[in-house]
Protein backbone atom coordinates (compact mmCIF):
# COMPACT_ATOMS: atom_id res chain seq x y z
CA MET A 1 -138.70 -118.41 89.86
CA ASN A 2 -135.54 -116.45 90.63
CA LEU A 3 -133.46 -118.89 88.58
CA ARG A 4 -135.81 -118.43 85.62
CA LEU A 5 -135.45 -114.66 85.82
CA ILE A 6 -131.68 -115.00 85.96
CA LEU A 7 -131.67 -117.21 82.85
CA VAL A 8 -133.91 -114.80 80.94
CA ALA A 9 -131.66 -111.90 81.91
CA ALA A 10 -128.60 -113.87 80.81
CA PHE A 11 -130.09 -114.62 77.38
CA PHE A 12 -131.13 -110.98 77.00
CA ALA A 13 -127.62 -109.78 77.90
CA ALA A 14 -126.09 -112.26 75.45
CA GLY A 15 -128.31 -110.91 72.70
CA LEU A 16 -127.25 -107.34 73.46
CA ALA A 17 -123.60 -108.33 73.43
CA LYS A 18 -123.99 -109.90 70.00
CA VAL A 19 -125.38 -106.76 68.33
CA GLN A 20 -122.98 -104.38 70.10
CA ALA A 21 -120.12 -105.61 67.93
CA GLY A 22 -119.00 -103.24 65.17
CA PRO A 23 -118.08 -101.69 62.89
CA LEU A 24 -121.10 -101.69 60.59
CA GLU A 25 -120.62 -102.25 56.86
CA GLY A 26 -123.55 -102.53 54.47
CA VAL A 27 -124.52 -102.22 50.84
CA VAL A 28 -127.96 -101.40 49.46
CA HIS A 29 -128.72 -102.59 45.93
CA LEU A 30 -131.13 -99.91 44.69
CA THR A 31 -133.46 -100.27 41.73
CA PHE A 32 -135.05 -97.25 40.07
CA PRO A 33 -138.12 -98.33 38.05
CA LEU A 34 -138.22 -97.00 34.49
CA THR A 35 -140.55 -94.02 34.09
CA LYS A 36 -142.05 -92.31 31.05
CA GLN A 37 -140.23 -89.15 32.06
CA LYS A 38 -136.49 -89.09 31.35
CA MET A 39 -134.43 -89.08 34.54
CA LEU A 40 -131.21 -87.18 33.78
CA GLY A 41 -129.00 -85.30 36.24
CA ILE A 42 -130.63 -87.00 39.23
CA TYR A 43 -129.60 -86.14 42.81
CA VAL A 44 -129.66 -89.11 45.23
CA ASP A 45 -129.54 -88.54 48.99
CA ALA A 46 -129.04 -91.77 50.97
CA ARG A 47 -128.88 -91.63 54.77
CA LEU A 48 -128.29 -94.07 57.61
CA TYR A 49 -129.84 -93.25 61.00
CA GLU A 50 -129.54 -94.82 64.41
CA TYR A 51 -132.21 -94.65 67.09
CA ASP A 52 -132.86 -96.03 70.54
CA PRO A 53 -135.96 -98.30 70.39
CA LEU A 54 -136.56 -97.74 74.11
CA LEU A 55 -136.89 -93.96 73.71
CA ALA A 56 -139.97 -93.45 71.54
CA ASP A 57 -139.89 -89.64 71.57
CA PHE A 58 -136.13 -89.27 71.11
CA PRO A 59 -135.00 -88.19 67.61
CA ALA A 60 -132.85 -90.44 65.41
CA THR A 61 -129.21 -89.52 64.74
CA LEU A 62 -127.64 -89.33 61.29
CA VAL A 63 -124.53 -91.56 61.27
CA ASP A 64 -123.72 -91.84 57.55
CA GLN A 65 -124.76 -90.05 54.37
CA VAL A 66 -123.97 -90.79 50.73
CA VAL A 67 -124.86 -88.34 47.96
CA PHE A 68 -124.79 -88.91 44.18
CA GLU A 69 -125.08 -85.88 41.91
CA ASP A 70 -125.82 -85.60 38.17
CA LEU A 71 -126.72 -89.28 37.84
CA ASP A 72 -128.29 -90.26 34.50
CA LEU A 73 -130.80 -93.12 34.72
CA SER A 74 -131.46 -95.47 31.83
CA ILE A 75 -134.14 -94.40 29.33
CA THR A 76 -134.89 -97.99 28.23
CA ALA A 77 -134.65 -100.15 31.37
CA ASP A 78 -134.74 -100.12 35.16
CA SER A 79 -131.63 -98.56 36.69
CA MET A 80 -129.50 -100.08 39.44
CA LEU A 81 -127.16 -98.38 41.91
CA ASP A 82 -125.13 -99.71 44.84
CA VAL A 83 -124.93 -97.52 47.95
CA HIS A 84 -122.38 -98.38 50.64
CA PHE A 85 -122.89 -97.43 54.27
CA SER A 86 -120.53 -97.67 57.24
CA ALA A 87 -120.74 -96.69 60.89
CA GLN A 88 -119.80 -97.83 64.38
CA ARG A 89 -122.53 -99.73 66.18
CA LYS A 90 -123.49 -98.34 69.55
CA PRO A 91 -125.08 -100.32 72.40
CA ARG A 92 -128.85 -100.84 72.18
CA MET A 93 -129.22 -98.87 68.93
CA ASN A 94 -131.25 -99.86 65.87
CA TYR A 95 -130.66 -98.58 62.33
CA TYR A 96 -132.81 -97.56 59.39
CA LEU A 97 -132.45 -96.01 55.93
CA SER A 98 -133.84 -92.95 54.24
CA ILE A 99 -133.18 -92.77 50.49
CA ARG A 100 -134.67 -90.16 48.16
CA ALA A 101 -133.91 -89.11 44.59
CA TYR A 102 -134.65 -85.67 43.16
CA SER A 103 -134.65 -84.05 39.74
CA ARG A 104 -131.65 -82.07 41.00
CA LYS A 105 -130.38 -80.83 44.35
CA GLY A 106 -133.29 -78.90 45.85
CA GLY A 107 -135.57 -80.04 43.02
CA ASP A 108 -138.70 -82.20 42.86
CA GLN A 109 -138.62 -85.58 44.61
CA HIS A 110 -139.04 -88.47 42.15
CA TYR A 111 -138.08 -91.62 44.09
CA PHE A 112 -138.23 -92.68 47.74
CA ILE A 113 -138.35 -95.65 50.10
CA ASP A 114 -141.97 -96.56 50.69
CA GLY A 115 -142.13 -97.32 54.39
CA PHE A 116 -139.70 -97.84 57.27
CA GLN A 117 -136.59 -99.74 56.14
CA LYS A 118 -134.46 -101.34 58.84
CA ILE A 119 -130.87 -102.48 58.25
CA PHE A 120 -128.20 -104.20 60.37
CA VAL A 121 -130.79 -106.27 62.21
CA GLY A 122 -128.77 -108.82 64.20
CA THR A 123 -125.74 -108.43 61.90
CA ASP A 124 -122.89 -105.97 61.46
CA ASP A 125 -122.37 -106.85 57.78
CA ASP A 126 -125.55 -106.48 55.73
CA ALA A 127 -126.66 -106.41 52.09
CA ILE A 128 -130.24 -105.67 51.07
CA ALA A 129 -132.07 -105.06 47.79
CA LEU A 130 -134.60 -102.23 47.51
CA THR A 131 -136.85 -101.02 44.72
CA LEU A 132 -137.62 -97.36 45.19
CA ALA A 133 -141.19 -96.12 44.90
CA THR A 134 -142.20 -93.27 42.59
CA LYS A 135 -145.31 -91.21 41.90
CA LEU A 136 -144.34 -90.81 38.26
CA ALA A 137 -145.96 -92.86 35.51
CA LYS A 138 -143.96 -96.04 34.95
CA LYS A 139 -142.91 -97.49 31.63
CA LYS A 140 -142.34 -101.14 30.72
CA PRO A 141 -138.59 -101.82 30.39
CA SER A 142 -137.32 -103.01 27.00
CA GLY A 143 -134.13 -104.57 28.32
CA ASP A 144 -132.25 -105.84 31.36
CA PRO A 145 -131.61 -103.48 34.30
CA VAL A 146 -128.71 -101.08 33.73
CA ASP A 147 -126.06 -100.42 36.37
CA VAL A 148 -125.73 -96.63 36.49
CA GLY A 149 -123.30 -96.54 39.43
CA GLY A 150 -120.54 -98.81 38.18
CA ARG A 151 -119.61 -102.10 39.91
CA GLY A 152 -116.34 -103.92 39.98
CA GLY A 153 -114.33 -100.80 39.19
CA GLU A 154 -116.40 -99.86 36.13
CA GLU A 155 -116.90 -96.19 35.34
CA PRO A 156 -120.37 -94.90 36.28
CA ALA A 157 -122.77 -94.16 33.46
CA GLY A 158 -123.90 -91.05 35.31
CA LYS A 159 -121.52 -88.37 36.53
CA LEU A 160 -120.59 -89.03 40.16
CA THR A 161 -119.49 -85.72 41.63
CA GLY A 162 -119.79 -86.20 45.35
CA VAL A 163 -119.84 -88.82 48.08
CA HIS A 164 -120.24 -87.37 51.56
CA ARG A 165 -119.95 -89.34 54.77
CA ALA A 166 -119.91 -88.73 58.48
CA VAL A 167 -117.27 -90.29 60.74
CA GLU A 168 -116.69 -90.41 64.46
CA ILE A 169 -113.05 -89.91 65.52
CA GLN A 170 -112.16 -91.42 68.91
CA TRP A 171 -108.90 -91.14 70.85
CA GLU A 172 -107.37 -91.12 74.34
CA GLY A 173 -104.89 -88.50 75.55
CA THR A 174 -103.15 -87.57 78.78
CA ASP A 175 -105.05 -84.94 80.75
CA GLY A 176 -103.93 -81.50 79.57
CA ASP A 177 -101.97 -82.65 76.51
CA GLU A 178 -102.74 -80.58 73.40
CA PHE A 179 -103.15 -82.04 69.91
CA LEU A 180 -104.12 -80.85 66.43
CA LEU A 181 -106.82 -82.86 64.67
CA GLN A 182 -105.82 -82.78 61.00
CA LYS A 183 -107.13 -84.16 57.70
CA SER A 184 -105.57 -84.94 54.33
CA ASP A 185 -106.56 -86.47 51.01
CA ASP A 186 -103.03 -87.47 49.95
CA LEU A 187 -101.09 -88.14 53.21
CA GLU A 188 -98.72 -85.28 52.27
CA SER A 189 -100.49 -81.99 52.93
CA TRP A 190 -102.45 -81.73 56.19
CA GLU A 191 -105.16 -79.26 57.16
CA THR A 192 -105.88 -78.52 60.82
CA VAL A 193 -109.56 -79.00 61.67
CA GLU A 194 -109.41 -78.12 65.34
CA ALA A 195 -107.19 -78.12 68.43
CA VAL A 196 -108.10 -80.70 71.06
CA VAL A 197 -106.99 -81.27 74.65
CA GLY A 198 -106.67 -84.68 76.30
CA THR A 199 -108.84 -85.46 79.29
CA GLY A 200 -107.19 -88.63 80.51
CA GLY A 201 -110.01 -90.74 79.07
CA ALA A 202 -111.71 -91.50 75.77
CA VAL A 203 -112.72 -88.46 73.70
CA SER A 204 -114.64 -88.40 70.42
CA THR A 205 -115.81 -85.91 67.83
CA PHE A 206 -118.26 -86.28 64.93
CA LEU A 207 -117.05 -84.98 61.53
CA ARG A 208 -118.29 -84.81 57.94
CA VAL A 209 -116.02 -86.53 55.40
CA GLU A 210 -115.62 -84.93 51.99
CA GLY A 211 -114.33 -86.52 48.78
CA ARG A 212 -113.65 -90.12 47.92
CA VAL A 213 -110.66 -90.55 50.29
CA GLN A 214 -109.98 -88.85 53.60
CA PHE A 215 -107.20 -89.46 56.13
CA TRP A 216 -107.14 -88.20 59.71
CA ARG A 217 -104.43 -87.84 62.35
CA LEU A 218 -103.79 -86.35 65.80
CA HIS A 219 -100.60 -84.29 65.75
CA ARG A 220 -98.96 -83.16 68.98
CA GLU A 221 -98.34 -79.42 69.05
């Protein structure tokens, strides 16, 4: 009996070790069904959350967010958009998506995920296809789906004005040493975000990333 319990515990631990590996990289292939109402200047808010399945009453944590603004959907066919997510897997955590599309930022909601959508289940590199739900009247497409986000380096059909992400910066510093946490978008000019002090162990901070490219560094004062 004891041996059986030991074996079960060993298999359970092995399973945990497998899903603790990171980082997480995923892409969601979104489809927007064609509607009778023209969808121009759409605002898409896509979020990745992590939660502890063993803590039922504990809130989920936002770990990545991608926003598309002024996106024009096709007026003749279904529209397709790729959304890329990235994060660092944490022990025991599960992950799910929340994706909504609005007439504009702060406007009426037109599209959403119908239900609870998990991602990164047993894998750190995931790709899933989702068709968003809508309460608007649908229209039969007259052609093949149209990529409105641009793949393979193509220019987007809609105007992409913002991609916003969250990133966790981790470092180790000697106890008492002072550093400047700085960011740059060109590796030439650097902006100080905050002053940090080493503790002798691992330290981390959670930051929002702005723009398409962002570089970070710790600079000793």
